[in-house]
Amino acid sequence: MSSPQQAFAGDSALESWRPFLLDATREVFSMMVGMELVVPDHVESETDGGITGMVGLAGAICGVLTIRSNESFAAESASRMLGLSLEEAALQGSDAMGEICNMIAGSFKAKIGLEDTCMLSVPTVITGDSYSTHSLIVGNRLEAQLLFQDQPLTITLETRG
């Protein structure tokens, strides 16, 4: 197997990062949120809108990492992360998803050996029921879905090719 940091362009190089991205996501949710995420055998439907956290990457990798979930997933995450009731946590869901996205991006770049050569932007969070995101990055896209008690989380990494 090649080094995770060997090639930055092309779908095959990006696909080789899938295990690192999945590990980073599952570790952050396990350690910081107390949620055990599983990779489904197959994706049945797209993750509903609700909340999307985004973090830009610049340096050795140029791109954007996004996580997308529904509001109940975000509220549950915030509740577990902050030790709040679900009602209190509902107001913190956006902030929690932004911070979780930031932690995943940091863990991912460390796992592929680029912790010192890739910077992260401040997280951006989009909320609402009817929206789509479009990145101006022309390049490669890696997307995966994970589940927590049948609630989906979609994580996407887009890099400049």
C-alpha atoms as a PDB file:
ATOM      1  CA  MET A   1       0.000   0.000   0.000  1.00  0.00           C
ATOM      2  CA  SER A   2       1.262   3.466  -0.813  1.00  0.00           C
ATOM      3  CA  SER A   3       1.797   6.235   1.693  1.00  0.00           C
ATOM      4  CA  PRO A   4      -1.371   8.250   2.341  1.00  0.00           C
ATOM      5  CA  GLN A   5       0.425  11.457   1.404  1.00  0.00           C
ATOM      6  CA  GLN A   6       1.988  10.230  -1.874  1.00  0.00           C
ATOM      7  CA  ALA A   7      -0.415  11.613  -4.447  1.00  0.00           C
ATOM      8  CA  PHE A   8      -2.861  14.457  -4.111  1.00  0.00           C
ATOM      9  CA  ALA A   9      -4.515  14.371  -7.516  1.00  0.00           C
ATOM     10  CA  GLY A  10      -6.806  11.868  -9.118  1.00  0.00           C
ATOM     11  CA  ASP A  11      -9.763   9.829  -8.004  1.00  0.00           C
ATOM     12  CA  SER A  12      -7.641   6.792  -7.132  1.00  0.00           C
ATOM     13  CA  ALA A  13      -5.474   8.789  -4.726  1.00  0.00           C
ATOM     14  CA  LEU A  14      -8.549  10.339  -3.174  1.00  0.00           C
ATOM     15  CA  GLU A  15     -10.196   6.932  -2.865  1.00  0.00           C
ATOM     16  CA  SER A  16      -7.098   5.664  -1.006  1.00  0.00           C
ATOM     17  CA  TRP A  17      -7.892   8.281   1.657  1.00  0.00           C
ATOM     18  CA  ARG A  18     -11.374   6.839   2.328  1.00  0.00           C
ATOM     19  CA  PRO A  19     -10.264   4.678   5.298  1.00  0.00           C
ATOM     20  CA  PHE A  20      -8.467   7.660   6.865  1.00  0.00           C
ATOM     21  CA  LEU A  21     -11.508   9.898   6.436  1.00  0.00           C
ATOM     22  CA  LEU A  22     -13.847   7.267   7.878  1.00  0.00           C
ATOM     23  CA  ASP A  23     -11.487   6.583  10.803  1.00  0.00           C
ATOM     24  CA  ALA A  24     -11.137  10.293  11.581  1.00  0.00           C
ATOM     25  CA  THR A  25     -14.913  10.746  11.507  1.00  0.00           C
ATOM     26  CA  ARG A  26     -15.665   7.725  13.680  1.00  0.00           C
ATOM     27  CA  GLU A  27     -12.917   8.596  16.174  1.00  0.00           C
ATOM     28  CA  VAL A  28     -14.094  12.200  16.603  1.00  0.00           C
ATOM     29  CA  PHE A  29     -17.705  11.131  17.104  1.00  0.00           C
ATOM     30  CA  SER A  30     -16.671   8.359  19.503  1.00  0.00           C
ATOM     31  CA  MET A  31     -14.268  10.402  21.648  1.00  0.00           C
ATOM     32  CA  MET A  32     -15.802  13.865  21.564  1.00  0.00           C
ATOM     33  CA  VAL A  33     -19.500  13.115  21.126  1.00  0.00           C
ATOM     34  CA  GLY A  34     -19.940   9.601  22.522  1.00  0.00           C
ATOM     35  CA  MET A  35     -21.608   8.314  19.347  1.00  0.00           C
ATOM     36  CA  GLU A  36     -20.549   5.114  17.632  1.00  0.00           C
ATOM     37  CA  LEU A  37     -21.018   5.568  13.888  1.00  0.00           C
ATOM     38  CA  VAL A  38     -21.227   2.627  11.511  1.00  0.00           C
ATOM     39  CA  VAL A  39     -20.712   2.437   7.770  1.00  0.00           C
ATOM     40  CA  PRO A  40     -23.900   1.065   6.168  1.00  0.00           C
ATOM     41  CA  ASP A  41     -23.778  -1.825   3.716  1.00  0.00           C
ATOM     42  CA  HIS A  42     -25.448   0.414   1.157  1.00  0.00           C
ATOM     43  CA  VAL A  43     -26.733   3.978   1.064  1.00  0.00           C
ATOM     44  CA  GLU A  44     -30.514   4.018   0.853  1.00  0.00           C
ATOM     45  CA  SER A  45     -31.134   7.744   0.534  1.00  0.00           C
ATOM     46  CA  GLU A  46     -29.362  11.042   0.649  1.00  0.00           C
ATOM     47  CA  THR A  47     -28.899  12.756   3.974  1.00  0.00           C
ATOM     48  CA  ASP A  48     -31.677  15.268   4.459  1.00  0.00           C
ATOM     49  CA  GLY A  49     -30.616  18.903   4.537  1.00  0.00           C
ATOM     50  CA  GLY A  50     -30.833  20.496   7.905  1.00  0.00           C
ATOM     51  CA  ILE A  51     -27.259  21.309   8.812  1.00  0.00           C
ATOM     52  CA  THR A  52     -24.018  21.300   6.821  1.00  0.00           C
ATOM     53  CA  GLY A  53     -20.645  22.068   8.403  1.00  0.00           C
ATOM     54  CA  MET A  54     -17.773  23.015   6.087  1.00  0.00           C
ATOM     55  CA  VAL A  55     -14.043  23.489   6.623  1.00  0.00           C
ATOM     56  CA  GLY A  56     -11.654  24.607   3.901  1.00  0.00           C
ATOM     57  CA  LEU A  57      -8.211  23.043   3.428  1.00  0.00           C
ATOM     58  CA  ALA A  58      -5.257  24.971   2.005  1.00  0.00           C
ATOM     59  CA  GLY A  59      -1.632  24.079   1.422  1.00  0.00           C
ATOM     60  CA  ALA A  60      -0.583  20.559   0.449  1.00  0.00           C
ATOM     61  CA  ILE A  61      -4.278  19.853  -0.127  1.00  0.00           C
ATOM     62  CA  CYS A  62      -6.660  22.493  -1.451  1.00  0.00           C
ATOM     63  CA  GLY A  63     -10.284  21.646  -0.942  1.00  0.00           C
ATOM     64  CA  VAL A  64     -13.243  21.517   1.372  1.00  0.00           C
ATOM     65  CA  LEU A  65     -14.492  18.948   3.858  1.00  0.00           C
ATOM     66  CA  THR A  66     -18.218  18.912   4.636  1.00  0.00           C
ATOM     67  CA  ILE A  67     -20.461  17.013   6.997  1.00  0.00           C
ATOM     68  CA  ARG A  68     -24.204  17.017   6.451  1.00  0.00           C
ATOM     69  CA  SER A  69     -26.943  15.810   8.767  1.00  0.00           C
ATOM     70  CA  ASN A  70     -30.499  16.499   9.754  1.00  0.00           C
ATOM     71  CA  GLU A  71     -31.356  18.725  12.719  1.00  0.00           C
ATOM     72  CA  SER A  72     -32.169  15.844  15.066  1.00  0.00           C
ATOM     73  CA  PHE A  73     -28.742  14.280  14.439  1.00  0.00           C
ATOM     74  CA  ALA A  74     -27.095  17.670  15.099  1.00  0.00           C
ATOM     75  CA  ALA A  75     -29.118  18.196  18.296  1.00  0.00           C
ATOM     76  CA  GLU A  76     -28.247  14.698  19.551  1.00  0.00           C
ATOM     77  CA  SER A  77     -24.568  15.363  18.776  1.00  0.00           C
ATOM     78  CA  ALA A  78     -24.615  18.703  20.601  1.00  0.00           C
ATOM     79  CA  SER A  79     -26.459  17.163  23.559  1.00  0.00           C
ATOM     80  CA  ARG A  80     -23.885  14.420  23.982  1.00  0.00           C
ATOM     81  CA  MET A  81     -20.903  16.678  23.291  1.00  0.00           C
ATOM     82  CA  LEU A  82     -21.970  19.456  25.680  1.00  0.00           C
ATOM     83  CA  GLY A  83     -23.869  17.427  28.277  1.00  0.00           C
ATOM     84  CA  LEU A  84     -27.115  19.334  27.654  1.00  0.00           C
ATOM     85  CA  SER A  85     -30.716  18.234  27.334  1.00  0.00           C
ATOM     86  CA  LEU A  86     -31.955  17.773  23.772  1.00  0.00           C
ATOM     87  CA  GLU A  87     -34.063  20.930  24.093  1.00  0.00           C
ATOM     88  CA  GLU A  88     -31.069  23.022  25.187  1.00  0.00           C
ATOM     89  CA  ALA A  89     -28.807  21.365  22.644  1.00  0.00           C
ATOM     90  CA  ALA A  90     -31.140  22.120  19.722  1.00  0.00           C
ATOM     91  CA  LEU A  91     -29.929  25.725  19.904  1.00  0.00           C
ATOM     92  CA  GLN A  92     -26.290  24.574  19.820  1.00  0.00           C
ATOM     93  CA  GLY A  93     -26.573  22.085  16.918  1.00  0.00           C
ATOM     94  CA  SER A  94     -25.037  24.404  14.328  1.00  0.00           C
ATOM     95  CA  ASP A  95     -22.054  25.328  16.496  1.00  0.00           C
ATOM     96  CA  ALA A  96     -21.505  21.687  17.428  1.00  0.00           C
ATOM     97  CA  MET A  97     -21.542  20.544  13.801  1.00  0.00           C
ATOM     98  CA  GLY A  98     -19.066  23.255  12.826  1.00  0.00           C
ATOM     99  CA  GLU A  99     -16.701  22.257  15.616  1.00  0.00           C
ATOM    100  CA  ILE A 100     -17.088  18.542  14.864  1.00  0.00           C
ATOM    101  CA  CYS A 101     -16.299  19.200  11.184  1.00  0.00           C
ATOM    102  CA  ASN A 102     -13.198  21.138  12.239  1.00  0.00           C
ATOM    103  CA  MET A 103     -12.026  18.266  14.475  1.00  0.00           C
ATOM    104  CA  ILE A 104     -12.600  15.708  11.707  1.00  0.00           C
ATOM    105  CA  ALA A 105     -10.611  17.825   9.224  1.00  0.00           C
ATOM    106  CA  GLY A 106      -7.751  18.175  11.727  1.00  0.00           C
ATOM    107  CA  SER A 107      -7.694  14.475  12.509  1.00  0.00           C
ATOM    108  CA  PHE A 108      -7.885  13.543   8.825  1.00  0.00           C
ATOM    109  CA  LYS A 109      -4.960  15.740   7.774  1.00  0.00           C
ATOM    110  CA  ALA A 110      -2.889  14.288  10.642  1.00  0.00           C
ATOM    111  CA  LYS A 111      -3.747  10.732   9.570  1.00  0.00           C
ATOM    112  CA  ILE A 112      -2.501  11.380   6.032  1.00  0.00           C
ATOM    113  CA  GLY A 113       0.682  13.024   7.333  1.00  0.00           C
ATOM    114  CA  LEU A 114      -0.095  16.636   6.441  1.00  0.00           C
ATOM    115  CA  GLU A 115      -0.683  18.214   9.842  1.00  0.00           C
ATOM    116  CA  ASP A 116       2.096  20.783   9.285  1.00  0.00           C
ATOM    117  CA  THR A 117       1.577  21.450   5.570  1.00  0.00           C
ATOM    118  CA  CYS A 118      -2.169  21.954   5.371  1.00  0.00           C
ATOM    119  CA  MET A 119      -4.139  24.715   7.086  1.00  0.00           C
ATOM    120  CA  LEU A 120      -7.827  24.714   7.948  1.00  0.00           C
ATOM    121  CA  SER A 121     -10.327  27.533   7.628  1.00  0.00           C
ATOM    122  CA  VAL A 122     -12.748  28.589  10.310  1.00  0.00           C
ATOM    123  CA  PRO A 123     -15.831  26.334  10.067  1.00  0.00           C
ATOM    124  CA  THR A 124     -18.882  27.556   8.161  1.00  0.00           C
ATOM    125  CA  VAL A 125     -22.325  26.141   8.905  1.00  0.00           C
ATOM    126  CA  ILE A 126     -25.421  26.264   6.694  1.00  0.00           C
ATOM    127  CA  THR A 127     -28.878  25.480   8.104  1.00  0.00           C
ATOM    128  CA  GLY A 128     -32.281  25.120   6.520  1.00  0.00           C
ATOM    129  CA  ASP A 129     -34.651  22.673   4.922  1.00  0.00           C
ATOM    130  CA  SER A 130     -34.130  23.281   1.240  1.00  0.00           C
ATOM    131  CA  TYR A 131     -30.606  23.994   0.069  1.00  0.00           C
ATOM    132  CA  SER A 132     -27.764  22.476  -1.846  1.00  0.00           C
ATOM    133  CA  THR A 133     -24.067  23.190  -1.665  1.00  0.00           C
ATOM    134  CA  HIS A 134     -21.839  23.693  -4.669  1.00  0.00           C
ATOM    135  CA  SER A 135     -18.081  23.942  -4.456  1.00  0.00           C
ATOM    136  CA  LEU A 136     -16.094  25.915  -6.994  1.00  0.00           C
ATOM    137  CA  ILE A 137     -13.325  23.363  -6.638  1.00  0.00           C
ATOM    138  CA  VAL A 138     -12.898  21.545  -9.918  1.00  0.00           C
ATOM    139  CA  GLY A 139     -11.338  18.243  -9.109  1.00  0.00           C
ATOM    140  CA  ASN A 140     -12.057  15.119  -7.162  1.00  0.00           C
ATOM    141  CA  ARG A 141     -14.814  14.147  -4.754  1.00  0.00           C
ATOM    142  CA  LEU A 142     -14.945  11.482  -2.061  1.00  0.00           C
ATOM    143  CA  GLU A 143     -18.244  10.949  -0.268  1.00  0.00           C
ATOM    144  CA  ALA A 144     -19.279   8.505   2.433  1.00  0.00           C
ATOM    145  CA  GLN A 145     -22.287   7.995   4.619  1.00  0.00           C
ATOM    146  CA  LEU A 146     -22.245   6.819   8.216  1.00  0.00           C
ATOM    147  CA  LEU A 147     -25.125   6.028  10.537  1.00  0.00           C
ATOM    148  CA  PHE A 148     -25.963   6.548  14.186  1.00  0.00           C
ATOM    149  CA  GLN A 149     -29.113   4.630  15.128  1.00  0.00           C
ATOM    150  CA  ASP A 150     -30.407   4.833  11.537  1.00  0.00           C
ATOM    151  CA  GLN A 151     -29.739   8.575  11.325  1.00  0.00           C
ATOM    152  CA  PRO A 152     -27.384   9.373   8.430  1.00  0.00           C
ATOM    153  CA  LEU A 153     -24.340  11.623   8.381  1.00  0.00           C
ATOM    154  CA  THR A 154     -22.741  12.333   5.018  1.00  0.00           C
ATOM    155  CA  ILE A 155     -19.099  13.363   4.874  1.00  0.00           C
ATOM    156  CA  THR A 156     -17.581  14.726   1.680  1.00  0.00           C
ATOM    157  CA  LEU A 157     -14.028  15.667   0.750  1.00  0.00           C
ATOM    158  CA  GLU A 158     -13.550  17.686  -2.433  1.00  0.00           C
ATOM    159  CA  THR A 159     -10.026  18.473  -3.602  1.00  0.00           C
ATOM    160  CA  ARG A 160      -8.595  20.424  -6.470  1.00  0.00           C
ATOM    161  CA  GLY A 161      -7.375  18.000  -9.117  1.00  0.00           C
END
